[in-house]
Amino acid sequence: MKISSKYRFLIFNKYSITALVFLIFILFFDGNNLITQIKLNKELRELQSEKEFYEKEIATNKAVKKLLMSDLKQLEKFAREEYRMKKDNEDVFVFEYKN
């Protein structure tokens, strides 16, 4: 395959070779190369989804806290169910079901 002299000048020009070497260096060998940027973008998306999850959890926990602090019966129910608290004259029996 013959390359015309016009295209040969563009391909074998010292500036085009330098630009090609520079481009290869930036894409693969630099500290901020393409592969690193892809990994960092993936990690960023994962961290953003975790952030959204935790923001939703915080909102639900604030709502539960507001409910518990406003109603003493709900607070007592929560303490009995979650922390197995009891009154002095009561006995608590815990049943665990295994599936």
Protein backbone atom coordinates (compact mmCIF):
# COMPACT_ATOMS: atom_id res chain seq x y z
CA MET A 1 0.00 0.00 0.00
CA LYS A 2 1.48 3.27 -1.09
CA ILE A 3 0.97 6.43 0.88
CA SER A 4 0.96 9.65 -1.06
CA SER A 5 3.58 12.20 -0.18
CA LYS A 6 0.95 14.56 1.20
CA TYR A 7 -0.22 12.04 3.80
CA ARG A 8 3.29 10.73 4.44
CA PHE A 9 4.31 14.22 5.53
CA LEU A 10 1.41 14.35 8.00
CA ILE A 11 2.06 10.89 9.39
CA PHE A 12 5.83 11.10 9.75
CA ASN A 13 5.97 14.74 10.75
CA LYS A 14 7.92 15.26 14.00
CA TYR A 15 5.03 17.25 15.48
CA SER A 16 2.45 14.58 14.78
CA ILE A 17 4.74 11.88 16.21
CA THR A 18 5.34 14.03 19.30
CA ALA A 19 1.61 14.64 19.69
CA LEU A 20 0.92 10.90 19.33
CA VAL A 21 3.54 10.01 21.95
CA PHE A 22 2.16 12.70 24.27
CA LEU A 23 -1.39 11.41 23.80
CA ILE A 24 -0.34 7.83 24.56
CA PHE A 25 1.54 8.98 27.64
CA ILE A 26 -1.44 10.97 28.94
CA LEU A 27 -3.91 8.15 28.30
CA PHE A 28 -1.94 5.28 29.81
CA PHE A 29 1.13 6.29 31.82
CA ASP A 30 0.28 9.54 33.58
CA GLY A 31 -0.84 9.58 37.24
CA ASN A 32 -4.28 10.78 36.11
CA ASN A 33 -4.59 8.36 33.22
CA LEU A 34 -7.79 7.20 31.59
CA ILE A 35 -8.04 3.94 33.55
CA THR A 36 -7.64 5.75 36.87
CA GLN A 37 -10.28 8.29 35.89
CA ILE A 38 -12.75 5.52 35.01
CA LYS A 39 -12.15 3.82 38.37
CA LEU A 40 -12.55 7.10 40.24
CA ASN A 41 -15.80 7.88 38.43
CA LYS A 42 -17.15 4.43 39.32
CA GLU A 43 -16.19 4.92 42.98
CA LEU A 44 -17.78 8.37 42.95
CA ARG A 45 -21.09 6.95 41.67
CA GLU A 46 -21.02 4.26 44.38
CA LEU A 47 -20.34 6.83 47.09
CA GLN A 48 -23.15 9.06 45.82
CA SER A 49 -25.61 6.16 45.95
CA GLU A 50 -24.45 5.36 49.51
CA LYS A 51 -24.92 9.02 50.42
CA GLU A 52 -28.50 8.95 49.11
CA PHE A 53 -29.21 5.76 51.07
CA TYR A 54 -27.87 7.21 54.31
CA GLU A 55 -29.75 10.49 53.79
CA LYS A 56 -32.97 8.50 53.47
CA GLU A 57 -32.10 6.51 56.60
CA ILE A 58 -31.43 9.72 58.52
CA ALA A 59 -34.77 11.14 57.44
CA THR A 60 -36.66 8.02 58.55
CA ASN A 61 -34.76 7.92 61.85
CA LYS A 62 -35.60 11.57 62.50
CA ALA A 63 -39.27 10.83 61.84
CA VAL A 64 -39.21 7.86 64.24
CA LYS A 65 -37.43 9.95 66.86
CA LYS A 66 -40.00 12.72 66.53
CA LEU A 67 -42.81 10.17 66.91
CA LEU A 68 -41.19 8.54 69.94
CA MET A 69 -40.48 11.80 71.69
CA SER A 70 -44.03 13.05 71.21
CA ASP A 71 -45.91 9.92 72.36
CA LEU A 72 -44.96 8.11 75.58
CA LYS A 73 -46.92 4.98 74.67
CA GLN A 74 -44.95 4.65 71.43
CA LEU A 75 -41.72 5.21 73.34
CA GLU A 76 -42.61 2.46 75.83
CA LYS A 77 -43.56 0.10 73.00
CA PHE A 78 -40.29 0.80 71.20
CA ALA A 79 -38.24 0.23 74.37
CA ARG A 80 -40.00 -3.05 75.08
CA GLU A 81 -39.63 -4.37 71.53
CA GLU A 82 -36.15 -3.20 70.66
CA TYR A 83 -34.35 -3.24 74.01
CA ARG A 84 -36.49 -5.80 75.88
CA MET A 85 -37.07 -3.42 78.75
CA LYS A 86 -39.66 -4.24 81.36
CA LYS A 87 -41.37 -2.85 84.39
CA ASP A 88 -40.27 -3.99 87.84
CA ASN A 89 -43.23 -6.32 88.39
CA GLU A 90 -43.07 -8.00 84.97
CA ASP A 91 -41.31 -10.99 83.52
CA VAL A 92 -40.21 -10.98 79.90
CA PHE A 93 -40.17 -14.10 77.78
CA VAL A 94 -38.38 -13.91 74.45
CA PHE A 95 -39.37 -16.28 71.69
CA GLU A 96 -37.19 -16.53 68.62
CA TYR A 97 -38.55 -18.09 65.50
CA LYS A 98 -36.19 -19.81 63.12
CA ASN A 99 -37.29 -20.30 59.56
